[in-house]
Amino acid sequence: MADGEIFARSEPRRKWTAQEKAALLAEVEATGGKVTIVARRHRISPSVLYSWRAARKAATTTMPPPAFIPLGVLDGLNHRETATQPPRPMRANDSSAGGIEIVLPNGTRVSVDAFVNEKALSRVLRAMKAAT
């Protein structure tokens, strides 16, 4: 078996500040997205720049929290009843407690019970908002 050399890191792992990361990413954009050129110039791995760029993109593309609209709690009103009926106050001993009806500004109504999947409801409301 041949003798081989083992190369160890001669300096500790570099800590980058947010300003340094932003400057390097700006440099990548200035070179037309040439990550390897900037990485070579600063003697860092291209994967570091790709990771920073992906993290910045993820941070800027997070969905804003949904805007809230007026909501009333209704007693026993279901989707078969008409919108012309006034809402009835909910009583504490009511068996339908936990059900809600959401009325969007365009008059569309969404009725759910206490067992609704929150992620599914969020998708439905986003789709309805996009459709208006």
N, C-alpha and C. Protein backbone atom coordinates (compact mmCIF):
# COMPACT_ATOMS: atom_id res chain seq x y z
N MET A 1 0.84 -1.16 0.00
CA MET A 1 0.00 0.00 0.00
C MET A 1 0.89 1.24 0.00
N ALA A 2 0.55 2.22 -0.81
CA ALA A 2 1.38 3.42 -0.96
C ALA A 2 1.14 4.37 0.20
N ASP A 3 2.21 5.10 0.51
CA ASP A 3 2.07 6.13 1.54
C ASP A 3 1.27 7.30 0.97
N GLY A 4 0.46 7.90 1.79
CA GLY A 4 -0.34 9.04 1.34
C GLY A 4 -0.24 10.18 2.33
N GLU A 5 -0.57 11.32 1.87
CA GLU A 5 -0.55 12.48 2.73
C GLU A 5 -1.97 12.78 3.20
N ILE A 6 -2.06 13.22 4.42
CA ILE A 6 -3.34 13.64 4.97
C ILE A 6 -3.28 15.14 5.16
N PHE A 7 -4.22 15.81 4.55
CA PHE A 7 -4.27 17.26 4.69
C PHE A 7 -5.32 17.61 5.73
N ALA A 8 -4.93 18.39 6.70
CA ALA A 8 -5.85 18.83 7.74
C ALA A 8 -6.09 20.32 7.58
N ARG A 9 -7.19 20.75 8.08
CA ARG A 9 -7.51 22.17 8.04
C ARG A 9 -6.51 22.91 8.91
N SER A 10 -5.85 23.90 8.32
CA SER A 10 -4.81 24.62 9.05
C SER A 10 -5.38 25.83 9.80
N GLU A 11 -6.59 26.20 9.48
CA GLU A 11 -7.20 27.32 10.17
C GLU A 11 -8.61 26.93 10.59
N PRO A 12 -9.13 27.58 11.61
CA PRO A 12 -10.48 27.22 12.06
C PRO A 12 -11.54 27.61 11.01
N ARG A 13 -12.69 27.01 11.15
CA ARG A 13 -13.79 27.28 10.23
C ARG A 13 -14.15 28.76 10.28
N ARG A 14 -14.34 29.35 9.13
CA ARG A 14 -14.60 30.78 9.03
C ARG A 14 -16.04 31.09 9.42
N LYS A 15 -16.23 32.13 10.19
CA LYS A 15 -17.57 32.62 10.54
C LYS A 15 -17.85 33.84 9.67
N TRP A 16 -18.94 33.83 8.95
CA TRP A 16 -19.29 34.93 8.06
C TRP A 16 -20.39 35.77 8.70
N THR A 17 -20.23 37.08 8.65
CA THR A 17 -21.29 37.97 9.14
C THR A 17 -22.36 38.11 8.06
N ALA A 18 -23.50 38.62 8.46
CA ALA A 18 -24.59 38.82 7.50
C ALA A 18 -24.17 39.81 6.41
N GLN A 19 -23.39 40.81 6.78
CA GLN A 19 -22.93 41.80 5.80
C GLN A 19 -21.97 41.16 4.79
N GLU A 20 -21.08 40.29 5.27
CA GLU A 20 -20.14 39.61 4.37
C GLU A 20 -20.89 38.69 3.41
N LYS A 21 -21.87 37.97 3.94
CA LYS A 21 -22.67 37.09 3.08
C LYS A 21 -23.39 37.90 2.00
N ALA A 22 -24.00 39.01 2.43
CA ALA A 22 -24.73 39.85 1.48
C ALA A 22 -23.79 40.40 0.41
N ALA A 23 -22.60 40.80 0.82
CA ALA A 23 -21.62 41.34 -0.14
C ALA A 23 -21.20 40.27 -1.16
N LEU A 24 -20.96 39.07 -0.68
CA LEU A 24 -20.56 37.99 -1.59
C LEU A 24 -21.71 37.62 -2.53
N LEU A 25 -22.92 37.60 -2.03
CA LEU A 25 -24.06 37.28 -2.89
C LEU A 25 -24.29 38.40 -3.91
N ALA A 26 -24.06 39.64 -3.51
CA ALA A 26 -24.16 40.75 -4.46
C ALA A 26 -23.09 40.62 -5.54
N GLU A 27 -21.92 40.15 -5.15
CA GLU A 27 -20.84 39.94 -6.10
C GLU A 27 -21.20 38.83 -7.09
N VAL A 28 -21.86 37.79 -6.59
CA VAL A 28 -22.32 36.72 -7.49
C VAL A 28 -23.29 37.28 -8.51
N GLU A 29 -24.24 38.11 -8.04
CA GLU A 29 -25.21 38.71 -8.98
C GLU A 29 -24.51 39.63 -9.98
N ALA A 30 -23.49 40.35 -9.52
CA ALA A 30 -22.76 41.28 -10.41
C ALA A 30 -22.00 40.54 -11.50
N THR A 31 -21.61 39.30 -11.22
CA THR A 31 -20.88 38.51 -12.22
C THR A 31 -21.85 37.71 -13.10
N GLY A 32 -23.12 38.01 -13.00
CA GLY A 32 -24.10 37.29 -13.82
C GLY A 32 -24.43 35.92 -13.27
N GLY A 33 -24.29 35.74 -11.96
CA GLY A 33 -24.63 34.47 -11.34
C GLY A 33 -23.51 33.45 -11.38
N LYS A 34 -22.31 33.87 -11.65
CA LYS A 34 -21.17 32.94 -11.73
C LYS A 34 -20.63 32.65 -10.33
N VAL A 35 -21.21 31.67 -9.69
CA VAL A 35 -20.85 31.31 -8.32
C VAL A 35 -19.41 30.83 -8.23
N THR A 36 -19.00 30.03 -9.18
CA THR A 36 -17.64 29.46 -9.11
C THR A 36 -16.56 30.53 -9.18
N ILE A 37 -16.79 31.59 -9.94
CA ILE A 37 -15.79 32.67 -10.05
C ILE A 37 -15.61 33.36 -8.70
N VAL A 38 -16.73 33.70 -8.08
CA VAL A 38 -16.67 34.38 -6.78
C VAL A 38 -16.09 33.45 -5.72
N ALA A 39 -16.49 32.18 -5.75
CA ALA A 39 -15.98 31.22 -4.77
C ALA A 39 -14.46 31.08 -4.89
N ARG A 40 -13.95 30.97 -6.11
CA ARG A 40 -12.51 30.87 -6.31
C ARG A 40 -11.79 32.12 -5.83
N ARG A 41 -12.36 33.27 -6.14
CA ARG A 41 -11.73 34.54 -5.77
C ARG A 41 -11.59 34.67 -4.26
N HIS A 42 -12.57 34.15 -3.52
CA HIS A 42 -12.55 34.28 -2.06
C HIS A 42 -12.15 32.99 -1.35
N ARG A 43 -11.72 32.00 -2.13
CA ARG A 43 -11.23 30.72 -1.60
C ARG A 43 -12.24 30.06 -0.67
N ILE A 44 -13.47 29.94 -1.17
CA ILE A 44 -14.50 29.20 -0.44
C ILE A 44 -15.17 28.23 -1.39
N SER A 45 -15.87 27.28 -0.84
CA SER A 45 -16.55 26.29 -1.65
C SER A 45 -17.78 26.91 -2.33
N PRO A 46 -18.00 26.60 -3.59
CA PRO A 46 -19.20 27.11 -4.26
C PRO A 46 -20.50 26.70 -3.55
N SER A 47 -20.47 25.54 -2.89
CA SER A 47 -21.69 25.08 -2.21
C SER A 47 -22.10 26.03 -1.09
N VAL A 48 -21.12 26.72 -0.50
CA VAL A 48 -21.43 27.70 0.55
C VAL A 48 -22.27 28.82 -0.04
N LEU A 49 -21.85 29.33 -1.19
CA LEU A 49 -22.60 30.42 -1.83
C LEU A 49 -23.97 29.96 -2.29
N TYR A 50 -24.04 28.74 -2.82
CA TYR A 50 -25.35 28.21 -3.22
C TYR A 50 -26.28 28.10 -2.01
N SER A 51 -25.75 27.65 -0.88
CA SER A 51 -26.56 27.52 0.34
C SER A 51 -27.06 28.88 0.82
N TRP A 52 -26.17 29.87 0.81
CA TRP A 52 -26.57 31.21 1.24
C TRP A 52 -27.64 31.77 0.31
N ARG A 53 -27.45 31.55 -0.98
CA ARG A 53 -28.42 32.08 -1.95
C ARG A 53 -29.78 31.41 -1.77
N ALA A 54 -29.78 30.10 -1.53
CA ALA A 54 -31.05 29.39 -1.31
C ALA A 54 -31.73 29.86 -0.02
N ALA A 55 -30.92 30.08 1.02
CA ALA A 55 -31.48 30.56 2.29
C ALA A 55 -32.07 31.95 2.14
N ARG A 56 -31.39 32.81 1.39
CA ARG A 56 -31.92 34.17 1.18
C ARG A 56 -33.22 34.12 0.39
N LYS A 57 -33.26 33.26 -0.62
CA LYS A 57 -34.48 33.14 -1.42
C LYS A 57 -35.64 32.62 -0.57
N ALA A 58 -35.36 31.63 0.26
CA ALA A 58 -36.41 31.07 1.13
C ALA A 58 -36.91 32.12 2.12
N ALA A 59 -35.99 32.95 2.61
CA ALA A 59 -36.38 33.98 3.59
C ALA A 59 -37.22 35.07 2.94
N THR A 60 -36.98 35.37 1.68
CA THR A 60 -37.72 36.44 1.02
C THR A 60 -39.01 35.96 0.38
N THR A 61 -39.17 34.66 0.19
CA THR A 61 -40.38 34.16 -0.46
C THR A 61 -41.37 33.55 0.52
N THR A 62 -41.14 33.75 1.81
CA THR A 62 -42.12 33.22 2.76
C THR A 62 -43.43 33.95 2.57
N MET A 63 -44.50 33.20 2.69
CA MET A 63 -45.82 33.76 2.47
C MET A 63 -46.20 34.65 3.64
N PRO A 64 -46.71 35.84 3.35
CA PRO A 64 -47.13 36.71 4.45
C PRO A 64 -48.33 36.11 5.17
N PRO A 65 -48.51 36.46 6.43
CA PRO A 65 -49.66 35.92 7.14
C PRO A 65 -50.96 36.37 6.48
N PRO A 66 -51.98 35.53 6.51
CA PRO A 66 -53.23 35.90 5.85
C PRO A 66 -53.86 37.12 6.52
N ALA A 67 -54.52 37.92 5.72
CA ALA A 67 -55.24 39.07 6.26
C ALA A 67 -56.55 38.56 6.87
N PHE A 68 -56.89 39.07 8.01
CA PHE A 68 -58.10 38.62 8.66
C PHE A 68 -59.27 39.48 8.23
N ILE A 69 -60.42 38.85 8.16
CA ILE A 69 -61.65 39.55 7.82
C ILE A 69 -62.61 39.38 8.97
N PRO A 70 -63.63 40.22 9.08
CA PRO A 70 -64.58 40.08 10.18
C PRO A 70 -65.20 38.68 10.19
N LEU A 71 -65.36 38.14 11.36
CA LEU A 71 -65.85 36.77 11.52
C LEU A 71 -66.85 36.75 12.65
N GLY A 72 -67.94 36.07 12.45
CA GLY A 72 -68.93 35.92 13.50
C GLY A 72 -69.07 34.46 13.86
N VAL A 73 -69.43 34.17 15.08
CA VAL A 73 -69.67 32.80 15.51
C VAL A 73 -71.18 32.58 15.42
N LEU A 74 -71.56 31.53 14.71
CA LEU A 74 -72.96 31.28 14.45
C LEU A 74 -73.44 30.03 15.16
N ASP A 75 -74.70 30.00 15.50
CA ASP A 75 -75.28 28.87 16.20
C ASP A 75 -76.14 28.06 15.25
N GLY A 76 -75.67 26.89 14.86
CA GLY A 76 -76.48 25.96 14.10
C GLY A 76 -76.71 26.34 12.65
N LEU A 77 -76.20 27.44 12.16
CA LEU A 77 -76.39 27.83 10.78
C LEU A 77 -75.50 26.95 9.91
N ASN A 78 -76.10 26.28 8.94
CA ASN A 78 -75.28 25.44 8.08
C ASN A 78 -75.34 25.94 6.64
N HIS A 79 -74.62 25.31 5.76
CA HIS A 79 -74.51 25.79 4.39
C HIS A 79 -75.82 25.72 3.62
N ARG A 80 -76.81 24.97 4.10
CA ARG A 80 -78.09 24.87 3.41
C ARG A 80 -79.01 26.05 3.71
N GLU A 81 -78.75 26.72 4.82
CA GLU A 81 -79.57 27.86 5.17
C GLU A 81 -79.12 29.07 4.37
N THR A 82 -80.01 29.97 4.15
CA THR A 82 -79.69 31.11 3.29
C THR A 82 -78.88 32.16 4.02
N ALA A 83 -78.22 32.98 3.24
CA ALA A 83 -77.39 34.04 3.82
C ALA A 83 -78.23 35.18 4.37
N THR A 84 -79.52 35.17 4.08
CA THR A 84 -80.37 36.27 4.55
C THR A 84 -80.77 36.12 6.01
N GLN A 85 -80.59 34.94 6.56
CA GLN A 85 -80.93 34.74 7.96
C GLN A 85 -79.89 35.41 8.84
N PRO A 86 -80.34 36.12 9.88
CA PRO A 86 -79.36 36.75 10.77
C PRO A 86 -78.63 35.71 11.60
N PRO A 87 -77.37 35.97 11.95
CA PRO A 87 -76.65 35.03 12.80
C PRO A 87 -77.28 34.95 14.18
N ARG A 88 -77.27 33.74 14.72
CA ARG A 88 -77.81 33.55 16.07
C ARG A 88 -76.65 33.38 17.04
N PRO A 89 -76.76 33.93 18.24
CA PRO A 89 -75.66 33.77 19.20
C PRO A 89 -75.50 32.31 19.61
N MET A 90 -74.26 31.90 19.84
CA MET A 90 -73.98 30.53 20.23
C MET A 90 -74.13 30.39 21.74
N ARG A 91 -74.79 29.32 22.16
CA ARG A 91 -74.96 29.06 23.59
C ARG A 91 -73.86 28.11 24.05
N ALA A 92 -73.49 28.23 25.32
CA ALA A 92 -72.40 27.43 25.86
C ALA A 92 -72.69 25.93 25.82
N ASN A 93 -73.95 25.53 25.96
CA ASN A 93 -74.28 24.10 25.98
C ASN A 93 -74.67 23.58 24.60
N ASP A 94 -74.41 24.34 23.57
CA ASP A 94 -74.79 23.96 22.21
C ASP A 94 -73.88 22.83 21.71
N SER A 95 -74.48 21.81 21.09
CA SER A 95 -73.70 20.67 20.59
C SER A 95 -72.90 21.01 19.34
N SER A 96 -73.21 22.14 18.68
CA SER A 96 -72.47 22.50 17.48
C SER A 96 -71.30 23.43 17.79
N ALA A 97 -70.93 23.55 19.06
CA ALA A 97 -69.82 24.43 19.43
C ALA A 97 -68.57 24.01 18.69
N GLY A 98 -67.82 24.98 18.26
CA GLY A 98 -66.59 24.70 17.52
C GLY A 98 -66.76 24.87 16.03
N GLY A 99 -67.98 24.95 15.55
CA GLY A 99 -68.22 25.18 14.14
C GLY A 99 -68.14 26.66 13.85
N ILE A 100 -67.58 27.00 12.69
CA ILE A 100 -67.53 28.40 12.29
C ILE A 100 -67.95 28.54 10.84
N GLU A 101 -68.39 29.72 10.53
CA GLU A 101 -68.69 30.05 9.14
C GLU A 101 -67.92 31.31 8.82
N ILE A 102 -67.18 31.28 7.73
CA ILE A 102 -66.38 32.41 7.30
C ILE A 102 -67.07 33.02 6.09
N VAL A 103 -67.36 34.32 6.17
CA VAL A 103 -67.98 35.02 5.05
C VAL A 103 -66.96 35.98 4.47
N LEU A 104 -66.60 35.73 3.21
CA LEU A 104 -65.62 36.57 2.54
C LEU A 104 -66.29 37.84 2.03
N PRO A 105 -65.51 38.88 1.75
CA PRO A 105 -66.09 40.16 1.30
C PRO A 105 -66.97 40.03 0.06
N ASN A 106 -66.71 39.05 -0.79
CA ASN A 106 -67.54 38.90 -1.99
C ASN A 106 -68.81 38.10 -1.72
N GLY A 107 -69.07 37.74 -0.46
CA GLY A 107 -70.29 37.02 -0.10
C GLY A 107 -70.13 35.51 -0.04
N THR A 108 -69.01 34.99 -0.47
CA THR A 108 -68.76 33.55 -0.41
C THR A 108 -68.66 33.11 1.04
N ARG A 109 -69.25 31.97 1.36
CA ARG A 109 -69.24 31.46 2.72
C ARG A 109 -68.52 30.12 2.78
N VAL A 110 -67.77 29.92 3.84
CA VAL A 110 -67.10 28.65 4.10
C VAL A 110 -67.50 28.23 5.50
N SER A 111 -68.12 27.05 5.62
CA SER A 111 -68.52 26.53 6.93
C SER A 111 -67.68 25.33 7.27
N VAL A 112 -67.14 25.30 8.48
CA VAL A 112 -66.33 24.17 8.92
C VAL A 112 -66.70 23.83 10.35
N ASP A 113 -66.37 22.61 10.75
CA ASP A 113 -66.62 22.23 12.14
C ASP A 113 -65.29 22.22 12.90
N ALA A 114 -65.34 21.82 14.14
CA ALA A 114 -64.15 21.85 15.00
C ALA A 114 -63.08 20.85 14.55
N PHE A 115 -63.41 19.93 13.67
CA PHE A 115 -62.47 18.90 13.27
C PHE A 115 -61.82 19.19 11.91
N VAL A 116 -61.94 20.42 11.44
CA VAL A 116 -61.38 20.77 10.13
C VAL A 116 -59.85 20.70 10.19
N ASN A 117 -59.26 20.25 9.11
CA ASN A 117 -57.81 20.23 8.97
C ASN A 117 -57.36 21.66 8.67
N GLU A 118 -56.53 22.21 9.55
CA GLU A 118 -56.14 23.62 9.42
C GLU A 118 -55.38 23.90 8.12
N LYS A 119 -54.51 22.97 7.72
CA LYS A 119 -53.75 23.18 6.48
C LYS A 119 -54.68 23.18 5.27
N ALA A 120 -55.65 22.27 5.27
CA ALA A 120 -56.61 22.21 4.16
C ALA A 120 -57.44 23.48 4.12
N LEU A 121 -57.90 23.96 5.27
CA LEU A 121 -58.69 25.19 5.32
C LEU A 121 -57.86 26.37 4.83
N SER A 122 -56.60 26.42 5.21
CA SER A 122 -55.73 27.51 4.77
C SER A 122 -55.59 27.49 3.25
N ARG A 123 -55.43 26.29 2.65
CA ARG A 123 -55.33 26.18 1.19
C ARG A 123 -56.61 26.66 0.51
N VAL A 124 -57.76 26.27 1.09
CA VAL A 124 -59.05 26.65 0.51
C VAL A 124 -59.21 28.18 0.55
N LEU A 125 -58.88 28.78 1.70
CA LEU A 125 -59.03 30.22 1.82
C LEU A 125 -58.08 30.97 0.88
N ARG A 126 -56.84 30.46 0.71
CA ARG A 126 -55.90 31.10 -0.22
C ARG A 126 -56.44 31.00 -1.65
N ALA A 127 -56.99 29.84 -2.01
CA ALA A 127 -57.52 29.66 -3.35
C ALA A 127 -58.72 30.58 -3.58
N MET A 128 -59.56 30.71 -2.56
CA MET A 128 -60.73 31.59 -2.71
C MET A 128 -60.31 33.03 -2.82
N LYS A 129 -59.29 33.42 -2.08
CA LYS A 129 -58.79 34.80 -2.15
C LYS A 129 -58.20 35.07 -3.52
N ALA A 130 -57.47 34.09 -4.05
CA ALA A 130 -56.87 34.27 -5.37
C ALA A 130 -57.92 34.34 -6.47
N ALA A 131 -59.06 33.69 -6.25
CA ALA A 131 -60.11 33.67 -7.26
C ALA A 131 -60.92 34.96 -7.27
N THR A 132 -60.80 35.75 -6.20
CA THR A 132 -61.59 37.00 -6.16
C THR A 132 -60.85 38.16 -6.73
